[in-house]
N, C-alpha and C. Protein backbone atom coordinates (compact mmCIF):
# COMPACT_ATOMS: atom_id res chain seq x y z
N MET A 1 113.55 259.74 123.08
CA MET A 1 114.36 259.94 121.87
C MET A 1 114.29 261.41 121.48
N GLN A 2 115.43 261.96 121.11
CA GLN A 2 115.41 263.37 120.76
C GLN A 2 116.50 263.72 119.76
N LEU A 3 116.35 264.89 119.19
CA LEU A 3 117.32 265.45 118.26
C LEU A 3 118.32 266.26 119.07
N VAL A 4 119.55 265.77 119.13
CA VAL A 4 120.59 266.40 119.95
C VAL A 4 121.19 267.61 119.25
N SER A 5 121.33 267.52 117.91
CA SER A 5 121.92 268.62 117.16
C SER A 5 121.44 268.57 115.72
N VAL A 6 121.18 269.75 115.14
CA VAL A 6 120.87 269.89 113.71
C VAL A 6 122.08 270.54 113.06
N ASN A 7 122.58 269.94 111.98
CA ASN A 7 123.86 270.36 111.42
C ASN A 7 123.78 270.54 109.91
N VAL A 8 124.37 271.61 109.42
CA VAL A 8 124.36 271.87 107.98
C VAL A 8 125.74 272.35 107.53
N GLY A 9 125.98 272.26 106.24
CA GLY A 9 127.24 272.73 105.70
C GLY A 9 127.18 272.85 104.19
N LEU A 10 128.00 273.71 103.64
CA LEU A 10 128.09 273.93 102.20
C LEU A 10 129.39 273.33 101.68
N PRO A 11 129.46 273.07 100.38
CA PRO A 11 130.68 272.49 99.82
C PRO A 11 131.91 273.36 100.05
N ARG A 12 133.02 272.70 100.24
CA ARG A 12 134.31 273.38 100.32
C ARG A 12 135.34 272.53 99.60
N GLU A 13 136.44 273.14 99.26
CA GLU A 13 137.52 272.42 98.60
C GLU A 13 138.69 272.30 99.56
N VAL A 14 139.20 271.08 99.68
CA VAL A 14 140.35 270.81 100.55
C VAL A 14 141.37 270.01 99.74
N THR A 15 142.61 270.06 100.17
CA THR A 15 143.66 269.30 99.49
C THR A 15 143.93 268.01 100.26
N TRP A 16 143.91 266.91 99.53
CA TRP A 16 144.11 265.60 100.14
C TRP A 16 145.04 264.79 99.24
N HIS A 17 146.18 264.39 99.79
CA HIS A 17 147.17 263.63 99.04
C HIS A 17 147.52 264.30 97.71
N GLY A 18 147.65 265.62 97.76
CA GLY A 18 148.11 266.36 96.59
C GLY A 18 147.05 266.71 95.57
N ARG A 19 145.79 266.39 95.84
CA ARG A 19 144.74 266.78 94.90
C ARG A 19 143.62 267.50 95.62
N VAL A 20 142.91 268.32 94.88
CA VAL A 20 141.82 269.11 95.45
C VAL A 20 140.54 268.27 95.46
N VAL A 21 139.90 268.22 96.61
CA VAL A 21 138.67 267.44 96.78
C VAL A 21 137.55 268.38 97.20
N ARG A 22 136.42 268.28 96.53
CA ARG A 22 135.24 269.06 96.89
C ARG A 22 134.36 268.19 97.79
N THR A 23 134.01 268.71 98.94
CA THR A 23 133.27 267.91 99.92
C THR A 23 132.34 268.79 100.76
N SER A 24 131.28 268.18 101.26
CA SER A 24 130.37 268.86 102.18
C SER A 24 130.33 268.16 103.53
N ILE A 25 131.34 267.34 103.82
CA ILE A 25 131.31 266.55 105.05
C ILE A 25 131.51 267.42 106.29
N TRP A 26 132.10 268.63 106.13
CA TRP A 26 132.22 269.54 107.26
C TRP A 26 130.89 270.24 107.47
N LYS A 27 130.28 270.00 108.63
CA LYS A 27 129.01 270.65 108.97
C LYS A 27 129.10 271.25 110.36
N ASP A 28 128.21 272.19 110.65
CA ASP A 28 128.18 272.86 111.93
C ASP A 28 126.77 272.86 112.51
N PRO A 29 126.65 272.74 113.82
CA PRO A 29 125.33 272.84 114.45
C PRO A 29 124.71 274.22 114.23
N VAL A 30 123.40 274.24 114.08
CA VAL A 30 122.66 275.49 113.94
C VAL A 30 121.52 275.51 114.95
N GLU A 31 121.17 276.71 115.37
CA GLU A 31 120.10 276.89 116.35
C GLU A 31 118.81 277.32 115.66
N GLY A 32 117.71 277.14 116.38
CA GLY A 32 116.41 277.59 115.87
C GLY A 32 115.82 276.60 114.88
N LEU A 33 114.66 276.97 114.36
CA LEU A 33 113.96 276.10 113.41
C LEU A 33 114.70 276.06 112.08
N VAL A 34 114.83 274.86 111.53
CA VAL A 34 115.48 274.65 110.24
C VAL A 34 114.48 273.96 109.31
N HIS A 35 114.30 274.51 108.13
CA HIS A 35 113.34 273.92 107.20
C HIS A 35 113.93 272.67 106.54
N VAL A 36 113.11 271.63 106.46
CA VAL A 36 113.48 270.39 105.80
C VAL A 36 112.70 270.30 104.49
N SER A 37 113.43 270.24 103.37
CA SER A 37 112.79 270.05 102.07
C SER A 37 112.95 268.59 101.64
N SER A 38 112.46 268.26 100.48
CA SER A 38 112.51 266.88 100.01
C SER A 38 113.93 266.40 99.71
N LEU A 39 114.90 267.34 99.57
CA LEU A 39 116.25 266.96 99.19
C LEU A 39 117.31 267.26 100.24
N ASN A 40 117.04 268.18 101.17
CA ASN A 40 118.04 268.49 102.20
C ASN A 40 117.47 269.48 103.20
N LEU A 41 118.34 269.96 104.08
CA LEU A 41 117.96 270.98 105.04
C LEU A 41 118.35 272.36 104.50
N ALA A 42 117.64 273.37 104.95
CA ALA A 42 118.02 274.74 104.59
C ALA A 42 119.44 275.01 105.08
N GLY A 43 120.29 275.52 104.19
CA GLY A 43 121.66 275.80 104.55
C GLY A 43 122.61 274.65 104.33
N ASP A 44 122.09 273.54 103.82
CA ASP A 44 122.92 272.37 103.57
C ASP A 44 122.94 272.08 102.07
N GLN A 45 124.05 271.53 101.60
CA GLN A 45 124.16 271.21 100.17
C GLN A 45 125.15 270.08 99.98
N GLN A 46 124.78 269.06 99.20
CA GLN A 46 125.69 267.96 98.90
C GLN A 46 126.63 268.36 97.77
N SER A 47 127.83 267.77 97.78
CA SER A 47 128.85 268.14 96.80
C SER A 47 128.81 267.30 95.54
N ASP A 48 128.61 265.99 95.68
CA ASP A 48 128.65 265.08 94.54
C ASP A 48 127.36 264.28 94.51
N LEU A 49 126.40 264.74 93.70
CA LEU A 49 125.08 264.13 93.70
C LEU A 49 125.07 262.74 93.07
N SER A 50 126.18 262.31 92.48
CA SER A 50 126.22 260.96 91.93
C SER A 50 126.29 259.91 93.04
N VAL A 51 126.78 260.30 94.20
CA VAL A 51 126.90 259.35 95.31
C VAL A 51 126.28 259.87 96.61
N HIS A 52 125.99 261.15 96.69
CA HIS A 52 125.40 261.72 97.89
C HIS A 52 124.10 262.44 97.53
N GLY A 53 123.23 262.54 98.50
CA GLY A 53 122.01 263.30 98.30
C GLY A 53 120.97 262.55 97.48
N GLY A 54 119.98 263.30 96.99
CA GLY A 54 118.85 262.69 96.31
C GLY A 54 117.76 262.36 97.32
N PRO A 55 116.56 262.04 96.84
CA PRO A 55 115.43 261.81 97.73
C PRO A 55 115.66 260.72 98.77
N GLU A 56 116.43 259.68 98.43
CA GLU A 56 116.63 258.57 99.36
C GLU A 56 117.74 258.83 100.37
N LYS A 57 118.51 259.90 100.15
CA LYS A 57 119.59 260.28 101.07
C LYS A 57 119.49 261.76 101.41
N ALA A 58 118.28 262.23 101.64
CA ALA A 58 118.09 263.65 101.87
C ALA A 58 118.71 264.11 103.18
N VAL A 59 118.64 263.26 104.20
CA VAL A 59 119.11 263.62 105.54
C VAL A 59 119.91 262.45 106.09
N TYR A 60 121.06 262.75 106.68
CA TYR A 60 121.88 261.72 107.30
C TYR A 60 121.82 261.87 108.81
N ALA A 61 121.48 260.78 109.50
CA ALA A 61 121.37 260.79 110.96
C ALA A 61 122.45 259.90 111.56
N TYR A 62 123.05 260.38 112.65
CA TYR A 62 124.09 259.61 113.32
C TYR A 62 123.85 259.65 114.83
N PRO A 63 123.85 258.47 115.49
CA PRO A 63 123.56 258.43 116.92
C PRO A 63 124.65 259.08 117.77
N SER A 64 124.23 259.91 118.68
CA SER A 64 125.18 260.55 119.60
C SER A 64 125.87 259.53 120.48
N GLU A 65 125.21 258.38 120.71
CA GLU A 65 125.76 257.35 121.57
C GLU A 65 127.10 256.81 121.04
N HIS A 66 127.33 256.94 119.73
CA HIS A 66 128.56 256.40 119.14
C HIS A 66 129.79 257.26 119.41
N TYR A 67 129.57 258.49 119.80
CA TYR A 67 130.70 259.39 119.95
C TYR A 67 131.67 258.93 121.05
N GLU A 68 131.16 258.32 122.10
CA GLU A 68 132.04 257.84 123.16
C GLU A 68 132.98 256.75 122.63
N TYR A 69 132.44 255.87 121.79
CA TYR A 69 133.29 254.84 121.18
C TYR A 69 134.41 255.48 120.37
N TRP A 70 134.07 256.47 119.57
CA TRP A 70 135.09 257.09 118.71
C TRP A 70 136.09 257.92 119.51
N ARG A 71 135.67 258.45 120.65
CA ARG A 71 136.63 259.16 121.49
C ARG A 71 137.67 258.20 122.04
N ARG A 72 137.26 256.96 122.30
CA ARG A 72 138.23 255.96 122.75
C ARG A 72 139.12 255.51 121.59
N GLU A 73 138.53 255.36 120.41
CA GLU A 73 139.26 254.87 119.23
C GLU A 73 140.20 255.92 118.65
N LEU A 74 139.81 257.19 118.77
CA LEU A 74 140.57 258.27 118.14
C LEU A 74 140.94 259.32 119.18
N PRO A 75 141.75 258.97 120.16
CA PRO A 75 142.09 259.93 121.22
C PRO A 75 142.77 261.16 120.64
N GLY A 76 142.39 262.30 121.19
CA GLY A 76 142.98 263.56 120.74
C GLY A 76 142.30 264.17 119.53
N THR A 77 141.31 263.48 118.97
CA THR A 77 140.59 263.99 117.80
C THR A 77 139.42 264.85 118.26
N ASP A 78 139.21 265.98 117.58
CA ASP A 78 138.07 266.85 117.88
C ASP A 78 136.80 266.17 117.40
N LEU A 79 135.93 265.81 118.35
CA LEU A 79 134.71 265.10 118.00
C LEU A 79 133.49 265.86 118.51
N ALA A 80 133.33 267.07 118.02
CA ALA A 80 132.11 267.83 118.29
C ALA A 80 130.99 267.25 117.45
N TRP A 81 129.73 267.55 117.82
CA TRP A 81 128.60 267.08 117.02
C TRP A 81 128.81 267.47 115.56
N ALA A 82 128.41 266.59 114.67
CA ALA A 82 128.54 266.73 113.21
C ALA A 82 129.89 266.30 112.70
N ALA A 83 130.73 265.71 113.55
CA ALA A 83 132.06 265.28 113.11
C ALA A 83 132.00 264.26 112.00
N PHE A 84 130.91 263.50 111.93
CA PHE A 84 130.78 262.47 110.90
C PHE A 84 129.97 262.94 109.69
N GLY A 85 129.73 264.24 109.65
CA GLY A 85 129.01 264.80 108.51
C GLY A 85 127.52 264.64 108.58
N GLU A 86 127.01 264.31 109.77
CA GLU A 86 125.57 264.08 109.89
C GLU A 86 124.78 265.38 109.95
N ASN A 87 123.56 265.31 109.42
CA ASN A 87 122.61 266.42 109.55
C ASN A 87 121.90 266.39 110.90
N PHE A 88 121.56 265.17 111.34
CA PHE A 88 120.89 264.98 112.63
C PHE A 88 121.81 264.17 113.53
N THR A 89 122.18 264.73 114.67
CA THR A 89 122.79 263.93 115.72
C THR A 89 121.65 263.53 116.65
N THR A 90 121.44 262.22 116.82
CA THR A 90 120.24 261.73 117.50
C THR A 90 120.57 261.07 118.83
N GLU A 91 119.54 260.90 119.62
CA GLU A 91 119.65 260.13 120.86
C GLU A 91 118.48 259.16 120.92
N GLY A 92 118.79 257.87 121.10
CA GLY A 92 117.74 256.88 121.26
C GLY A 92 117.41 256.07 120.01
N LEU A 93 118.10 256.34 118.90
CA LEU A 93 117.87 255.58 117.67
C LEU A 93 119.18 254.88 117.29
N LEU A 94 119.22 253.57 117.47
CA LEU A 94 120.43 252.81 117.18
C LEU A 94 120.19 251.83 116.03
N GLU A 95 121.24 251.53 115.28
CA GLU A 95 121.13 250.73 114.07
C GLU A 95 120.50 249.35 114.28
N PRO A 96 120.76 248.65 115.39
CA PRO A 96 120.14 247.33 115.57
C PRO A 96 118.64 247.41 115.86
N ASP A 97 118.14 248.60 116.18
CA ASP A 97 116.74 248.74 116.58
C ASP A 97 115.87 249.39 115.51
N ILE A 98 116.45 250.29 114.73
CA ILE A 98 115.65 251.01 113.73
C ILE A 98 115.61 250.19 112.45
N ARG A 99 114.42 250.07 111.87
CA ARG A 99 114.25 249.23 110.68
C ARG A 99 114.23 250.04 109.40
N ILE A 100 114.70 249.45 108.33
CA ILE A 100 114.52 250.04 107.01
C ILE A 100 113.01 250.11 106.75
N GLY A 101 112.53 251.29 106.41
CA GLY A 101 111.10 251.47 106.20
C GLY A 101 110.35 252.04 107.39
N ASP A 102 111.02 252.16 108.54
CA ASP A 102 110.37 252.83 109.67
C ASP A 102 110.13 254.29 109.34
N ARG A 103 109.04 254.82 109.86
CA ARG A 103 108.72 256.24 109.69
C ARG A 103 108.90 256.94 111.02
N ILE A 104 109.60 258.08 111.00
CA ILE A 104 109.82 258.82 112.22
C ILE A 104 109.39 260.28 112.03
N ARG A 105 108.96 260.87 113.13
CA ARG A 105 108.52 262.27 113.10
C ARG A 105 109.44 263.09 113.99
N VAL A 106 109.89 264.19 113.46
CA VAL A 106 110.70 265.15 114.21
C VAL A 106 110.14 266.53 113.91
N GLY A 107 109.77 267.27 114.95
CA GLY A 107 109.15 268.57 114.71
C GLY A 107 107.91 268.40 113.85
N SER A 108 107.80 269.19 112.80
CA SER A 108 106.64 269.08 111.91
C SER A 108 106.95 268.27 110.66
N ALA A 109 108.14 267.67 110.61
CA ALA A 109 108.56 266.88 109.44
C ALA A 109 108.46 265.39 109.75
N GLU A 110 108.33 264.62 108.67
CA GLU A 110 108.26 263.17 108.81
C GLU A 110 109.23 262.53 107.83
N PHE A 111 109.86 261.41 108.27
CA PHE A 111 110.94 260.81 107.51
C PHE A 111 110.75 259.30 107.40
N LEU A 112 111.43 258.73 106.38
CA LEU A 112 111.45 257.29 106.15
C LEU A 112 112.90 256.82 106.19
N VAL A 113 113.17 255.80 107.00
CA VAL A 113 114.52 255.24 107.08
C VAL A 113 114.77 254.41 105.83
N THR A 114 115.86 254.70 105.09
CA THR A 114 116.08 254.04 103.81
C THR A 114 117.29 253.12 103.76
N GLN A 115 118.39 253.43 104.46
CA GLN A 115 119.61 252.65 104.29
C GLN A 115 120.69 253.10 105.27
N PRO A 116 121.67 252.23 105.53
CA PRO A 116 122.83 252.66 106.31
C PRO A 116 123.75 253.53 105.46
N ARG A 117 124.63 254.25 106.11
CA ARG A 117 125.61 255.05 105.38
C ARG A 117 126.82 254.18 105.04
N MET A 118 127.15 254.11 103.77
CA MET A 118 128.36 253.46 103.30
C MET A 118 129.35 254.56 102.93
N PRO A 119 130.37 254.80 103.70
CA PRO A 119 131.21 255.99 103.52
C PRO A 119 132.11 255.89 102.30
N CYS A 120 132.41 257.04 101.73
CA CYS A 120 133.42 257.12 100.68
C CYS A 120 134.72 257.64 101.29
N PHE A 121 135.72 257.83 100.46
CA PHE A 121 137.05 258.23 100.94
C PHE A 121 137.03 259.58 101.66
N LYS A 122 135.96 260.36 101.46
CA LYS A 122 135.92 261.69 102.07
C LYS A 122 135.81 261.63 103.60
N LEU A 123 135.34 260.50 104.11
CA LEU A 123 135.37 260.34 105.57
C LEU A 123 136.82 260.32 106.05
N GLY A 124 137.69 259.68 105.28
CA GLY A 124 139.10 259.71 105.60
C GLY A 124 139.69 261.09 105.49
N VAL A 125 139.22 261.86 104.50
CA VAL A 125 139.67 263.25 104.36
C VAL A 125 139.29 264.05 105.60
N ARG A 126 138.06 263.85 106.04
CA ARG A 126 137.56 264.60 107.21
C ARG A 126 138.41 264.36 108.45
N PHE A 127 138.86 263.11 108.63
CA PHE A 127 139.62 262.77 109.83
C PHE A 127 141.13 262.74 109.59
N GLY A 128 141.53 262.95 108.32
CA GLY A 128 142.94 262.91 108.01
C GLY A 128 143.56 261.54 108.20
N ARG A 129 142.75 260.49 107.92
CA ARG A 129 143.20 259.11 108.13
C ARG A 129 142.79 258.25 106.94
N ASP A 130 143.76 257.57 106.34
CA ASP A 130 143.43 256.68 105.22
C ASP A 130 142.66 255.44 105.67
N ASP A 131 142.76 255.09 106.95
CA ASP A 131 142.11 253.87 107.41
C ASP A 131 140.71 254.11 107.96
N MET A 132 140.20 255.34 107.86
CA MET A 132 138.96 255.67 108.54
C MET A 132 137.75 254.95 107.96
N VAL A 133 137.70 254.77 106.65
CA VAL A 133 136.55 254.09 106.05
C VAL A 133 136.46 252.65 106.56
N LYS A 134 137.59 251.95 106.57
CA LYS A 134 137.59 250.56 107.06
C LYS A 134 137.21 250.51 108.53
N ARG A 135 137.73 251.42 109.31
CA ARG A 135 137.41 251.42 110.74
C ARG A 135 135.92 251.70 110.96
N PHE A 136 135.38 252.61 110.17
CA PHE A 136 133.97 252.99 110.29
C PHE A 136 133.09 251.78 109.99
N LEU A 137 133.35 251.10 108.87
CA LEU A 137 132.54 249.93 108.50
C LEU A 137 132.71 248.80 109.50
N ARG A 138 133.92 248.58 109.95
CA ARG A 138 134.17 247.50 110.90
C ARG A 138 133.44 247.75 112.22
N SER A 139 133.26 248.99 112.58
CA SER A 139 132.62 249.32 113.86
C SER A 139 131.13 249.00 113.86
N GLY A 140 130.51 248.97 112.68
CA GLY A 140 129.06 248.80 112.60
C GLY A 140 128.27 250.03 112.97
N ARG A 141 128.96 251.10 113.29
CA ARG A 141 128.31 252.34 113.72
C ARG A 141 128.17 253.26 112.49
N THR A 142 127.22 252.93 111.64
CA THR A 142 127.11 253.58 110.33
C THR A 142 126.20 254.78 110.30
N GLY A 143 125.26 254.87 111.25
CA GLY A 143 124.19 255.84 111.08
C GLY A 143 123.29 255.42 109.93
N PHE A 144 122.37 256.30 109.54
CA PHE A 144 121.40 255.90 108.51
C PHE A 144 120.86 257.13 107.80
N TYR A 145 120.42 256.89 106.57
CA TYR A 145 119.84 257.94 105.75
C TYR A 145 118.32 257.95 105.87
N LEU A 146 117.77 259.15 105.66
CA LEU A 146 116.34 259.36 105.73
C LEU A 146 115.83 260.02 104.46
N ALA A 147 114.71 259.53 103.96
CA ALA A 147 113.95 260.24 102.94
C ALA A 147 112.92 261.11 103.63
N VAL A 148 112.56 262.21 103.01
CA VAL A 148 111.59 263.13 103.60
C VAL A 148 110.20 262.79 103.09
N VAL A 149 109.36 262.36 103.99
CA VAL A 149 107.97 262.01 103.65
C VAL A 149 107.09 263.25 103.69
N ARG A 150 107.34 264.11 104.67
CA ARG A 150 106.60 265.36 104.79
C ARG A 150 107.57 266.47 105.16
N GLU A 151 107.62 267.51 104.36
CA GLU A 151 108.49 268.64 104.66
C GLU A 151 108.00 269.36 105.92
N GLY A 152 108.92 270.04 106.59
CA GLY A 152 108.54 270.76 107.80
C GLY A 152 109.74 271.43 108.42
N GLU A 153 109.62 271.75 109.71
CA GLU A 153 110.70 272.39 110.45
C GLU A 153 111.14 271.52 111.61
N VAL A 154 112.45 271.53 111.85
CA VAL A 154 113.02 270.78 112.98
C VAL A 154 113.96 271.70 113.74
N ALA A 155 114.26 271.32 114.97
CA ALA A 155 115.20 272.11 115.78
C ALA A 155 115.84 271.21 116.82
N THR A 156 117.02 271.58 117.23
CA THR A 156 117.70 270.89 118.32
C THR A 156 116.78 270.82 119.54
N GLY A 157 116.70 269.65 120.14
CA GLY A 157 115.85 269.45 121.30
C GLY A 157 114.49 268.88 120.99
N HIS A 158 114.10 268.88 119.71
CA HIS A 158 112.82 268.27 119.35
C HIS A 158 112.84 266.78 119.67
N SER A 159 111.69 266.28 120.07
CA SER A 159 111.57 264.84 120.31
C SER A 159 111.48 264.10 118.99
N ILE A 160 111.91 262.85 119.01
CA ILE A 160 111.83 261.96 117.85
C ILE A 160 110.82 260.87 118.19
N GLU A 161 109.87 260.67 117.30
CA GLU A 161 108.82 259.67 117.53
C GLU A 161 108.79 258.70 116.36
N ILE A 162 108.80 257.41 116.66
CA ILE A 162 108.59 256.41 115.61
C ILE A 162 107.09 256.28 115.40
N VAL A 163 106.62 256.63 114.22
CA VAL A 163 105.17 256.64 113.95
C VAL A 163 104.74 255.48 113.07
N GLY A 164 105.70 254.69 112.59
CA GLY A 164 105.36 253.51 111.79
C GLY A 164 106.54 252.55 111.76
N ARG A 165 106.26 251.27 111.99
CA ARG A 165 107.31 250.25 112.00
C ARG A 165 107.13 249.34 110.79
N ASP A 166 108.21 249.13 110.04
CA ASP A 166 108.13 248.27 108.86
C ASP A 166 107.97 246.82 109.29
N ALA A 167 107.04 246.11 108.64
CA ALA A 167 106.70 244.75 109.04
C ALA A 167 107.78 243.73 108.69
N HIS A 168 108.71 244.05 107.79
CA HIS A 168 109.71 243.08 107.38
C HIS A 168 110.78 242.85 108.45
N GLY A 169 110.95 243.80 109.33
CA GLY A 169 111.86 243.63 110.45
C GLY A 169 113.33 243.61 110.11
N VAL A 170 113.71 244.20 108.96
CA VAL A 170 115.11 244.25 108.56
C VAL A 170 115.69 245.57 109.06
N THR A 171 116.69 245.50 109.91
CA THR A 171 117.22 246.70 110.55
C THR A 171 118.34 247.33 109.72
N VAL A 172 118.67 248.55 110.09
CA VAL A 172 119.82 249.22 109.49
C VAL A 172 121.08 248.39 109.71
N ALA A 173 121.23 247.84 110.91
CA ALA A 173 122.40 247.01 111.21
C ALA A 173 122.44 245.76 110.35
N ASP A 174 121.28 245.19 110.04
CA ASP A 174 121.22 244.01 109.17
C ASP A 174 121.81 244.31 107.80
N ILE A 175 121.42 245.42 107.21
CA ILE A 175 121.91 245.77 105.87
C ILE A 175 123.40 246.05 105.90
N ALA A 176 123.85 246.78 106.90
CA ALA A 176 125.28 247.05 107.03
C ALA A 176 126.07 245.76 107.21
N SER A 177 125.53 244.82 107.97
CA SER A 177 126.20 243.55 108.20
C SER A 177 126.27 242.72 106.92
N LEU A 178 125.21 242.74 106.11
CA LEU A 178 125.24 242.02 104.84
C LEU A 178 126.35 242.56 103.94
N TYR A 179 126.62 243.83 104.03
CA TYR A 179 127.66 244.43 103.21
C TYR A 179 129.05 244.12 103.74
N ALA A 180 129.21 244.19 105.05
CA ALA A 180 130.56 244.16 105.62
C ALA A 180 130.98 242.82 106.21
N ARG A 181 130.00 242.03 106.71
CA ARG A 181 130.40 240.85 107.47
C ARG A 181 129.59 239.59 107.13
N ASP A 182 128.28 239.69 107.19
CA ASP A 182 127.40 238.51 107.14
C ASP A 182 127.03 238.21 105.68
N ARG A 183 128.01 237.85 104.88
CA ARG A 183 127.81 237.78 103.43
C ARG A 183 127.04 236.55 102.97
N ASP A 184 126.90 235.53 103.80
CA ASP A 184 126.29 234.28 103.37
C ASP A 184 124.93 234.01 104.01
N ASN A 185 124.31 235.03 104.53
CA ASN A 185 123.01 234.86 105.19
C ASN A 185 121.90 234.97 104.15
N ASP A 186 121.57 233.84 103.51
CA ASP A 186 120.59 233.85 102.42
C ASP A 186 119.20 234.25 102.90
N ASP A 187 118.84 233.84 104.11
CA ASP A 187 117.51 234.19 104.64
C ASP A 187 117.38 235.71 104.77
N LEU A 188 118.41 236.34 105.32
CA LEU A 188 118.36 237.80 105.48
C LEU A 188 118.42 238.49 104.13
N LEU A 189 119.20 237.96 103.20
CA LEU A 189 119.25 238.54 101.85
C LEU A 189 117.87 238.54 101.22
N ARG A 190 117.15 237.42 101.34
CA ARG A 190 115.81 237.32 100.74
C ARG A 190 114.85 238.30 101.39
N ARG A 191 114.91 238.41 102.70
CA ARG A 191 114.01 239.36 103.37
C ARG A 191 114.35 240.79 103.01
N ALA A 192 115.64 241.09 102.88
CA ALA A 192 116.06 242.46 102.60
C ALA A 192 115.58 242.93 101.23
N VAL A 193 115.66 242.07 100.21
CA VAL A 193 115.27 242.52 98.87
C VAL A 193 113.77 242.72 98.75
N ASP A 194 113.00 242.27 99.75
CA ASP A 194 111.56 242.46 99.74
C ASP A 194 111.12 243.72 100.47
N VAL A 195 112.06 244.46 101.07
CA VAL A 195 111.69 245.66 101.82
C VAL A 195 111.44 246.81 100.85
N PRO A 196 110.21 247.32 100.76
CA PRO A 196 109.91 248.36 99.77
C PRO A 196 110.77 249.61 99.91
N ALA A 197 111.12 250.00 101.12
CA ALA A 197 111.84 251.25 101.33
C ALA A 197 113.32 251.17 100.99
N LEU A 198 113.86 249.95 100.87
CA LEU A 198 115.28 249.82 100.55
C LEU A 198 115.50 250.25 99.10
N PRO A 199 116.43 251.18 98.84
CA PRO A 199 116.63 251.68 97.48
C PRO A 199 116.98 250.57 96.48
N GLU A 200 116.61 250.78 95.23
CA GLU A 200 116.79 249.76 94.20
C GLU A 200 118.26 249.40 94.00
N GLY A 201 119.15 250.37 94.15
CA GLY A 201 120.57 250.06 94.02
C GLY A 201 121.02 249.01 95.02
N TRP A 202 120.56 249.12 96.26
CA TRP A 202 120.87 248.12 97.27
C TRP A 202 120.26 246.78 96.90
N LYS A 203 119.02 246.79 96.41
CA LYS A 203 118.36 245.52 96.07
C LYS A 203 119.10 244.81 94.95
N GLU A 204 119.54 245.56 93.95
CA GLU A 204 120.29 244.95 92.85
C GLU A 204 121.57 244.30 93.38
N TYR A 205 122.27 244.99 94.25
CA TYR A 205 123.50 244.46 94.84
C TYR A 205 123.21 243.18 95.63
N LEU A 206 122.15 243.19 96.43
CA LEU A 206 121.84 242.04 97.26
C LEU A 206 121.32 240.87 96.43
N ARG A 207 120.59 241.14 95.36
CA ARG A 207 120.15 240.05 94.48
C ARG A 207 121.33 239.36 93.84
N LYS A 208 122.31 240.12 93.41
CA LYS A 208 123.52 239.51 92.84
C LYS A 208 124.20 238.63 93.87
N ARG A 209 124.24 239.11 95.11
CA ARG A 209 124.85 238.32 96.17
C ARG A 209 124.07 237.02 96.39
N LEU A 210 122.76 237.09 96.24
CA LEU A 210 121.90 235.94 96.50
C LEU A 210 121.98 234.91 95.39
N PHE A 211 121.96 235.40 94.15
CA PHE A 211 121.90 234.48 93.01
C PHE A 211 123.25 234.27 92.33
N GLU A 212 124.22 235.11 92.64
CA GLU A 212 125.57 234.93 92.12
C GLU A 212 126.54 235.03 93.30
N PRO A 213 126.61 233.99 94.11
CA PRO A 213 127.34 234.05 95.38
C PRO A 213 128.81 234.45 95.25
N ASP A 214 129.39 234.25 94.09
CA ASP A 214 130.82 234.57 93.94
C ASP A 214 131.08 236.03 93.64
N VAL A 215 129.99 236.83 93.45
CA VAL A 215 130.16 238.26 93.13
C VAL A 215 130.71 238.98 94.34
């Protein structure tokens, strides 16, 4: 498992359907050591902190393995690393295998897997497609967010090591499936709300699903 690309970007304003949108989804690969702080990478900045960023979404990771799927789905689209706005383009970490609460080490930094990425309309802005959010969720290829457990430096080519596995066994794919497809799996809902690393906002949503099935 390794870090294929480290990517950062600053906010920019673009016009979408006649209105100006501020977004940081455009990122570019960077070389050399990059410092990881508790909230983001050096040279990176989130645009709307009400829905992006914060300690539980400090770093966004997206598997490089998914790019081949999107090249088939979106022929003619430029799909260089960071096309999905990820900070880390990874190899060897896939949503059905990585658990919420797993701890991973990259370079001298350590991270905690917290949740899948639930995209907002800005993903559609990035690709110039109104249907991109639905396609992204339907694909199950969400990537995942990381909290920073220990600050440090990372670089392209660094190995990725899983240094702790969460005992609850709830994967990133499980949480994404509960949101998009597997809405009536009460057993998984109960296990998910017990995962300490899953953010409280997710737990509140899943509890409502569990105890108020019509929500």
